[in-house]
Amino acid sequence: QVQLVESGGGLVQPGGSLRLSCAASGSIDSLHVMGWHRQAPGKQRESVALISNFGRTDYADSVKGRFTISRDNAKNTVSLQMSNVKPEDTAVYYCRLSMTGKDYWGQGTQVTVSS
């Protein structure tokens, strides 16, 4: 089993910054992808940013140039640095870890962008 614990959500003003973190524990394969997804009210969950254990990254077009995903393989943590946030970034953000045939999700952390 794998457990994911997120932290760092909250209220931030438009144009501000916020950093989300996710710590993974348990039986984690050497080959896996970690990432962040989000779900806004009334919308489907969408991928925000992904990073492989080799450091390859992929971003949603809506966050490119504003968000940066990073990871610490030794600590099994993944972070999302959010900059120049917009009201449309408001959502519950979920950490995800994907291994061959298995997906694990965190409990989610609320991010609200509002003045």
Protein backbone atom coordinates (compact mmCIF):
# COMPACT_ATOMS: atom_id res chain seq x y z
CA GLN A 1 0.00 0.00 0.00
CA VAL A 2 0.97 3.60 -0.61
CA GLN A 3 -0.10 6.62 1.41
CA LEU A 4 -0.01 10.20 0.15
CA VAL A 5 -0.31 13.18 2.46
CA GLU A 6 -0.69 16.67 1.01
CA SER A 7 -0.07 20.00 2.68
CA GLY A 8 0.18 23.67 1.80
CA GLY A 9 -3.24 24.64 0.52
CA GLY A 10 -5.06 27.78 1.56
CA LEU A 11 -6.26 31.20 0.51
CA VAL A 12 -4.07 33.31 -1.76
CA GLN A 13 -4.65 36.56 -3.59
CA PRO A 14 -4.56 36.75 -7.39
CA GLY A 15 -0.99 37.17 -8.55
CA GLY A 16 0.34 35.56 -5.40
CA SER A 17 2.24 32.35 -4.79
CA LEU A 18 1.58 29.12 -2.96
CA ARG A 19 3.50 25.88 -2.54
CA LEU A 20 1.90 22.47 -2.22
CA SER A 21 3.75 19.43 -0.94
CA CYS A 22 3.00 15.72 -0.95
CA ALA A 23 4.79 13.01 0.99
CA ALA A 24 4.52 9.41 -0.18
CA SER A 25 5.14 6.37 1.99
CA GLY A 26 4.74 2.63 1.63
CA SER A 27 5.70 0.17 -1.10
CA ILE A 28 6.72 2.38 -4.02
CA ASP A 29 8.12 0.90 -7.22
CA SER A 30 11.34 2.35 -8.57
CA LEU A 31 9.51 3.31 -11.76
CA HIS A 32 6.59 5.62 -11.12
CA VAL A 33 5.13 9.00 -11.89
CA MET A 34 3.97 11.54 -9.34
CA GLY A 35 1.79 14.49 -10.07
CA TRP A 36 -0.86 16.99 -9.16
CA HIS A 37 -4.43 17.07 -10.35
CA ARG A 38 -7.21 19.46 -9.47
CA GLN A 39 -10.96 19.55 -9.43
CA ALA A 40 -12.99 22.74 -9.39
CA PRO A 41 -16.67 22.77 -8.36
CA GLY A 42 -18.83 21.39 -11.13
CA LYS A 43 -15.86 20.37 -13.25
CA GLN A 44 -14.01 17.16 -13.95
CA ARG A 45 -10.70 16.41 -12.31
CA GLU A 46 -7.83 17.47 -14.55
CA SER A 47 -4.10 16.90 -14.65
CA VAL A 48 -2.03 19.92 -13.65
CA ALA A 49 1.57 18.70 -13.63
CA LEU A 50 3.40 15.38 -13.72
CA ILE A 51 6.98 14.35 -13.01
CA SER A 52 8.62 10.98 -13.52
CA ASN A 53 11.23 9.50 -11.22
CA PHE A 54 13.75 10.53 -13.94
CA GLY A 55 12.62 14.14 -13.63
CA ARG A 56 10.69 14.44 -16.87
CA THR A 57 7.85 16.93 -16.45
CA ASP A 58 4.58 17.65 -18.18
CA TYR A 59 2.23 20.57 -17.57
CA ALA A 60 -1.29 21.53 -18.48
CA ASP A 61 -1.31 24.43 -20.92
CA SER A 62 -3.24 26.54 -18.42
CA VAL A 63 -0.38 26.49 -15.89
CA LYS A 64 2.72 26.47 -18.08
CA GLY A 65 5.11 29.23 -17.08
CA ARG A 66 3.33 29.74 -13.75
CA PHE A 67 3.57 26.40 -11.92
CA THR A 68 6.65 24.29 -11.32
CA ILE A 69 6.65 20.68 -10.18
CA SER A 70 9.64 19.18 -8.45
CA ARG A 71 10.46 16.09 -6.45
CA ASP A 72 12.91 14.68 -3.96
CA ASN A 73 13.43 11.02 -4.78
CA ALA A 74 15.30 10.32 -1.57
CA LYS A 75 12.34 11.56 0.50
CA ASN A 76 9.57 10.46 -1.90
CA THR A 77 8.09 13.93 -1.92
CA VAL A 78 6.67 16.02 -4.74
CA SER A 79 5.97 19.74 -4.63
CA LEU A 80 4.05 22.19 -6.76
CA GLN A 81 5.19 25.80 -6.71
CA MET A 82 2.30 27.94 -7.86
CA SER A 83 3.08 31.50 -8.96
CA ASN A 84 1.00 34.29 -10.46
CA VAL A 85 -2.12 32.39 -9.45
CA LYS A 86 -5.48 33.23 -10.96
CA PRO A 87 -9.05 32.85 -9.66
CA GLU A 88 -9.52 30.00 -12.12
CA ASP A 89 -6.82 28.06 -10.26
CA THR A 90 -9.27 27.67 -7.37
CA ALA A 91 -9.84 23.95 -6.84
CA VAL A 92 -9.11 20.99 -4.65
CA TYR A 93 -5.63 19.80 -5.53
CA TYR A 94 -4.83 16.10 -5.33
CA CYS A 95 -1.48 14.39 -5.26
CA ARG A 96 -1.25 11.23 -7.38
CA LEU A 97 1.30 8.44 -7.61
CA SER A 98 1.07 6.05 -10.55
CA MET A 99 2.88 2.73 -10.79
CA THR A 100 2.34 -0.12 -13.21
CA GLY A 101 -1.32 -1.02 -12.85
CA LYS A 102 -1.82 1.03 -9.70
CA ASP A 103 -2.94 4.56 -8.91
CA TYR A 104 -2.88 6.20 -5.50
CA TRP A 105 -4.42 9.53 -4.50
CA GLY A 106 -4.06 11.88 -1.61
CA GLN A 107 -7.02 13.28 0.30
CA GLY A 108 -6.84 16.64 -1.45
CA THR A 109 -6.04 20.15 -0.31
CA GLN A 110 -8.15 23.24 -1.05
CA VAL A 111 -6.60 26.15 -2.92
CA THR A 112 -8.69 29.31 -3.13
CA VAL A 113 -7.55 32.29 -5.17
CA SER A 114 -9.50 35.37 -4.18
CA SER A 115 -9.00 38.96 -3.19
